[in-house]
Amino acid sequence: NLQHSLIDEQRKALLQVDADLLTAQQLVGRWEELLRRSAEISEALSDEQSLEEQLQEKLATAQSALAIADAEVLAAATRHESLTSAADAIRGAVATIAAHLPPDRIDCPLCGVEHGAEILHTRVAKALQSLDPEVVQSAERLKASRNLLDARKKVLITTESELAACGRVLGELDSQLFDLEVELNDLKSNVLLGGDTLALAKESIRRRGDANAVAKSQLDETQGQLA
């Protein structure tokens, strides 16, 4: 009875080893999952870092384009203002001439060509009503440059938003990778695994499993020989 009791106690210890080895196998599965997940996150992190570099280049380009567009708006506005002032001055001079133009005068006071009184007055009236083509073109140029400036501002705002979103994703991936590293370090120091690498842990589990199986077989044989 004493011998049977000792063997039963030994068997309990070996069964506990089996339970520990089963737990170790589950931890190995978790280790493999963590490594797989870590590789996926590392790849995603690399992709996001590449995207961040591209967005930073895009942002620099957008800032440069915006500065150029801003300068173009300033130049177009200055030219438009200058042409408008000149046209207003010319129109004012024509208006002054028209105001003092005798109704029976037939020659133009500027070019001296005799148009006839009626045609001369008609030409002066049209000159007062017409717009200088350069002024019109400069106004269109100013409008186009302002539209371009607005478009480039939108591109800049969109790029800044994309870069900020990319930064948040990078932060989340870094955090996830850090958490995985902490869990992996815990597994490497786990006594049930018996190894600080996955290969060593698997080999340790295999050897302990084989030894435990041999020990249980020997116990069975010993107990079978007892009365």
Protein backbone atom coordinates (compact mmCIF):
# COMPACT_ATOMS: atom_id res chain seq x y z
CA ASN A 1 0.00 0.00 0.00
CA LEU A 2 2.83 2.37 0.80
CA GLN A 3 4.47 1.68 -2.58
CA HIS A 4 1.16 2.21 -4.39
CA SER A 5 0.65 5.46 -2.47
CA LEU A 6 4.12 6.74 -3.43
CA ILE A 7 3.51 5.90 -7.10
CA ASP A 8 0.16 7.67 -7.05
CA GLU A 9 1.80 10.77 -5.64
CA GLN A 10 4.46 10.61 -8.33
CA ARG A 11 1.77 10.17 -10.95
CA LYS A 12 0.00 13.33 -9.70
CA ALA A 13 3.25 15.27 -10.11
CA LEU A 14 3.66 13.92 -13.66
CA LEU A 15 0.04 14.82 -14.48
CA GLN A 16 0.75 18.33 -13.23
CA VAL A 17 3.72 18.43 -15.59
CA ASP A 18 1.35 17.42 -18.40
CA ALA A 19 -0.98 20.27 -17.43
CA ASP A 20 1.96 22.69 -17.36
CA LEU A 21 3.10 21.46 -20.77
CA LEU A 22 -0.41 21.95 -22.18
CA THR A 23 -0.40 25.50 -20.83
CA ALA A 24 3.07 25.97 -22.33
CA GLN A 25 1.75 24.78 -25.72
CA GLN A 26 -1.02 27.36 -25.51
CA LEU A 27 1.56 30.03 -24.65
CA VAL A 28 3.60 28.95 -27.68
CA GLY A 29 0.50 29.43 -29.82
CA ARG A 30 0.08 32.90 -28.34
CA TRP A 31 3.78 33.60 -28.97
CA GLU A 32 3.39 32.64 -32.63
CA GLU A 33 0.30 34.84 -32.91
CA LEU A 34 2.16 37.77 -31.33
CA LEU A 35 5.07 37.37 -33.74
CA ARG A 36 2.69 37.23 -36.69
CA ARG A 37 0.81 40.27 -35.45
CA SER A 38 4.07 42.09 -34.73
CA ALA A 39 5.25 41.44 -38.31
CA GLU A 40 1.95 42.75 -39.69
CA ILE A 41 2.13 45.91 -37.56
CA SER A 42 5.78 46.45 -38.47
CA GLU A 43 4.88 46.21 -42.16
CA ALA A 44 1.95 48.59 -41.68
CA LEU A 45 4.24 50.94 -39.74
CA SER A 46 6.76 50.91 -42.58
CA ASP A 47 4.00 51.68 -45.10
CA GLU A 48 2.71 54.56 -42.97
CA GLN A 49 6.22 55.95 -42.57
CA SER A 50 6.63 55.89 -46.35
CA LEU A 51 3.27 57.60 -46.70
CA GLU A 52 4.30 60.21 -44.15
CA GLU A 53 7.45 60.98 -46.15
CA GLN A 54 5.38 61.32 -49.33
CA LEU A 55 2.90 63.61 -47.58
CA GLN A 56 5.70 65.74 -46.17
CA GLU A 57 7.08 66.16 -49.70
CA LYS A 58 3.58 66.92 -50.95
CA LEU A 59 3.14 69.48 -48.18
CA ALA A 60 6.43 71.19 -49.05
CA THR A 61 5.37 71.31 -52.71
CA ALA A 62 1.93 72.67 -51.75
CA GLN A 63 3.50 75.37 -49.56
CA SER A 64 5.85 76.38 -52.38
CA ALA A 65 2.98 76.41 -54.91
CA LEU A 66 0.88 78.49 -52.51
CA ALA A 67 3.68 81.04 -52.11
CA ILE A 68 4.02 81.32 -55.90
CA ALA A 69 0.24 81.71 -56.32
CA ASP A 70 0.18 84.35 -53.59
CA ALA A 71 2.92 86.29 -55.40
CA GLU A 72 1.00 85.97 -58.68
CA VAL A 73 -2.13 87.38 -57.05
CA LEU A 74 -0.15 90.31 -55.68
CA ALA A 75 1.45 90.99 -59.09
CA ALA A 76 -1.90 90.66 -60.90
CA ALA A 77 -3.62 92.95 -58.39
CA THR A 78 -0.84 95.55 -58.72
CA ARG A 79 -0.98 95.45 -62.53
CA HIS A 80 -4.78 95.61 -62.54
CA GLU A 81 -4.74 98.59 -60.19
CA SER A 82 -2.11 100.33 -62.32
CA LEU A 83 -3.97 99.72 -65.59
CA THR A 84 -7.27 100.74 -64.03
CA SER A 85 -5.77 104.00 -62.75
CA ALA A 86 -4.28 104.71 -66.18
CA ALA A 87 -7.53 103.90 -67.95
CA ASP A 88 -9.48 106.09 -65.51
CA ALA A 89 -7.05 108.94 -66.18
CA ILE A 90 -7.44 108.55 -69.95
CA ARG A 91 -11.19 108.30 -69.64
CA GLY A 92 -11.18 111.44 -67.49
CA ALA A 93 -9.16 113.28 -70.12
CA VAL A 94 -11.56 112.16 -72.85
CA ALA A 95 -14.49 113.23 -70.70
CA THR A 96 -12.88 116.64 -70.27
CA ILE A 97 -12.35 116.92 -74.02
CA ALA A 98 -15.93 115.81 -74.66
CA ALA A 99 -17.24 118.37 -72.20
CA HIS A 100 -15.41 121.17 -73.98
CA LEU A 101 -15.84 119.88 -77.53
CA PRO A 102 -17.79 122.39 -79.64
CA PRO A 103 -20.83 120.82 -81.30
CA ASP A 104 -19.72 121.95 -84.73
CA ARG A 105 -16.10 120.82 -84.52
CA ILE A 106 -15.22 118.29 -87.21
CA ASP A 107 -11.53 117.45 -86.48
CA CYS A 108 -10.28 115.36 -83.60
CA PRO A 109 -8.37 117.45 -81.06
CA LEU A 110 -5.91 114.58 -80.50
CA CYS A 111 -5.11 113.22 -83.94
CA GLY A 112 -6.33 116.13 -86.10
CA VAL A 113 -8.30 113.88 -88.46
CA GLU A 114 -11.51 115.45 -89.74
CA HIS A 115 -14.29 113.00 -89.01
CA GLY A 116 -17.18 115.39 -89.15
CA ALA A 117 -19.01 116.74 -86.14
CA GLU A 118 -21.49 113.87 -85.83
CA ILE A 119 -18.95 111.09 -86.24
CA LEU A 120 -16.48 112.84 -83.96
CA HIS A 121 -19.03 113.11 -81.14
CA THR A 122 -20.06 109.49 -81.69
CA ARG A 123 -16.45 108.32 -81.47
CA VAL A 124 -15.88 110.31 -78.29
CA ALA A 125 -19.04 108.84 -76.73
CA LYS A 126 -17.91 105.31 -77.60
CA ALA A 127 -14.46 105.99 -76.19
CA LEU A 128 -16.06 107.02 -72.89
CA GLN A 129 -18.21 103.86 -72.77
CA SER A 130 -15.60 101.34 -73.95
CA LEU A 131 -13.32 99.48 -71.59
CA ASP A 132 -9.61 99.22 -72.11
CA PRO A 133 -8.89 95.60 -73.28
CA GLU A 134 -5.77 95.48 -71.11
CA VAL A 135 -7.85 96.40 -68.08
CA VAL A 136 -10.31 93.62 -68.92
CA GLN A 137 -7.48 91.13 -69.40
CA SER A 138 -5.81 92.18 -66.18
CA ALA A 139 -9.12 91.73 -64.32
CA GLU A 140 -9.49 88.24 -65.77
CA ARG A 141 -5.89 87.50 -64.90
CA LEU A 142 -6.48 88.67 -61.33
CA LYS A 143 -9.60 86.52 -61.03
CA ALA A 144 -7.79 83.47 -62.42
CA SER A 145 -4.84 83.94 -60.07
CA ARG A 146 -7.18 84.27 -57.08
CA ASN A 147 -8.99 81.10 -58.11
CA LEU A 148 -5.65 79.33 -58.38
CA LEU A 149 -4.66 80.62 -54.94
CA ASP A 150 -7.91 79.29 -53.43
CA ALA A 151 -7.35 75.90 -55.09
CA ARG A 152 -3.81 75.67 -53.75
CA LYS A 153 -4.98 76.65 -50.27
CA LYS A 154 -7.43 73.74 -50.38
CA VAL A 155 -4.65 71.38 -51.47
CA LEU A 156 -2.50 72.60 -48.59
CA ILE A 157 -5.30 72.17 -46.04
CA THR A 158 -6.11 68.68 -47.37
CA THR A 159 -2.45 67.65 -47.25
CA GLU A 160 -2.06 68.96 -43.70
CA SER A 161 -5.15 66.98 -42.70
CA GLU A 162 -3.81 63.82 -44.36
CA LEU A 163 -0.44 64.27 -42.66
CA ALA A 164 -2.10 64.71 -39.26
CA ALA A 165 -4.19 61.55 -39.83
CA CYS A 166 -1.06 59.67 -40.85
CA GLY A 167 0.65 60.83 -37.67
CA ARG A 168 -2.24 59.52 -35.57
CA VAL A 169 -2.07 56.13 -37.31
CA LEU A 170 1.68 56.00 -36.70
CA GLY A 171 1.10 56.73 -33.03
CA GLU A 172 -1.50 53.96 -32.75
CA LEU A 173 0.76 51.44 -34.52
CA ASP A 174 3.71 52.39 -32.28
CA SER A 175 1.52 51.86 -29.23
CA GLN A 176 0.31 48.48 -30.47
CA LEU A 177 3.84 47.38 -31.27
CA PHE A 178 5.01 48.44 -27.81
CA ASP A 179 2.23 46.42 -26.14
CA LEU A 180 3.17 43.37 -28.22
CA GLU A 181 6.83 43.73 -27.25
CA VAL A 182 5.88 43.86 -23.56
CA GLU A 183 3.82 40.66 -23.87
CA LEU A 184 6.56 38.95 -25.88
CA ASN A 185 9.12 39.81 -23.20
CA ASP A 186 6.81 38.29 -20.56
CA LEU A 187 6.62 35.09 -22.60
CA LYS A 188 10.40 34.94 -23.01
CA SER A 189 10.81 34.97 -19.21
CA ASN A 190 7.95 32.51 -18.52
CA VAL A 191 9.29 29.47 -16.63
CA LEU A 192 6.75 27.14 -18.27
CA LEU A 193 8.30 27.78 -21.68
CA GLY A 194 11.93 27.30 -20.73
CA GLY A 195 13.40 29.38 -23.55
CA ASP A 196 13.84 33.02 -24.56
CA THR A 197 13.20 32.26 -28.24
CA LEU A 198 10.29 30.46 -29.86
CA ALA A 199 12.52 27.68 -31.20
CA LEU A 200 14.14 27.09 -27.78
CA ALA A 201 10.75 27.09 -26.06
CA LYS A 202 9.36 24.50 -28.49
CA GLU A 203 12.42 22.30 -28.06
CA SER A 204 12.22 22.60 -24.26
CA ILE A 205 8.53 21.62 -24.29
CA ARG A 206 9.25 18.65 -26.57
CA ARG A 207 12.08 17.35 -24.39
CA ARG A 208 10.07 17.74 -21.17
CA GLY A 209 7.08 16.07 -22.80
CA ASP A 210 9.20 13.12 -23.91
CA ALA A 211 10.77 12.81 -20.46
CA ASN A 212 7.37 12.99 -18.79
CA ALA A 213 5.97 10.29 -21.09
CA VAL A 214 8.92 8.02 -20.26
CA ALA A 215 8.46 8.66 -16.53
CA LYS A 216 4.74 7.81 -16.71
CA SER A 217 5.51 4.63 -18.64
CA GLN A 218 8.06 3.59 -16.03
CA LEU A 219 5.55 4.27 -13.23
CA ASP A 220 2.94 2.18 -15.02
CA GLU A 221 5.42 -0.64 -15.40
CA THR A 222 6.52 -0.44 -11.76
CA GLN A 223 2.97 -0.30 -10.46
CA GLY A 224 1.96 -3.18 -12.72
CA GLN A 225 4.55 -5.39 -11.02
CA LEU A 226 3.20 -4.65 -7.56
CA ALA A 227 0.74 -6.99 -5.82
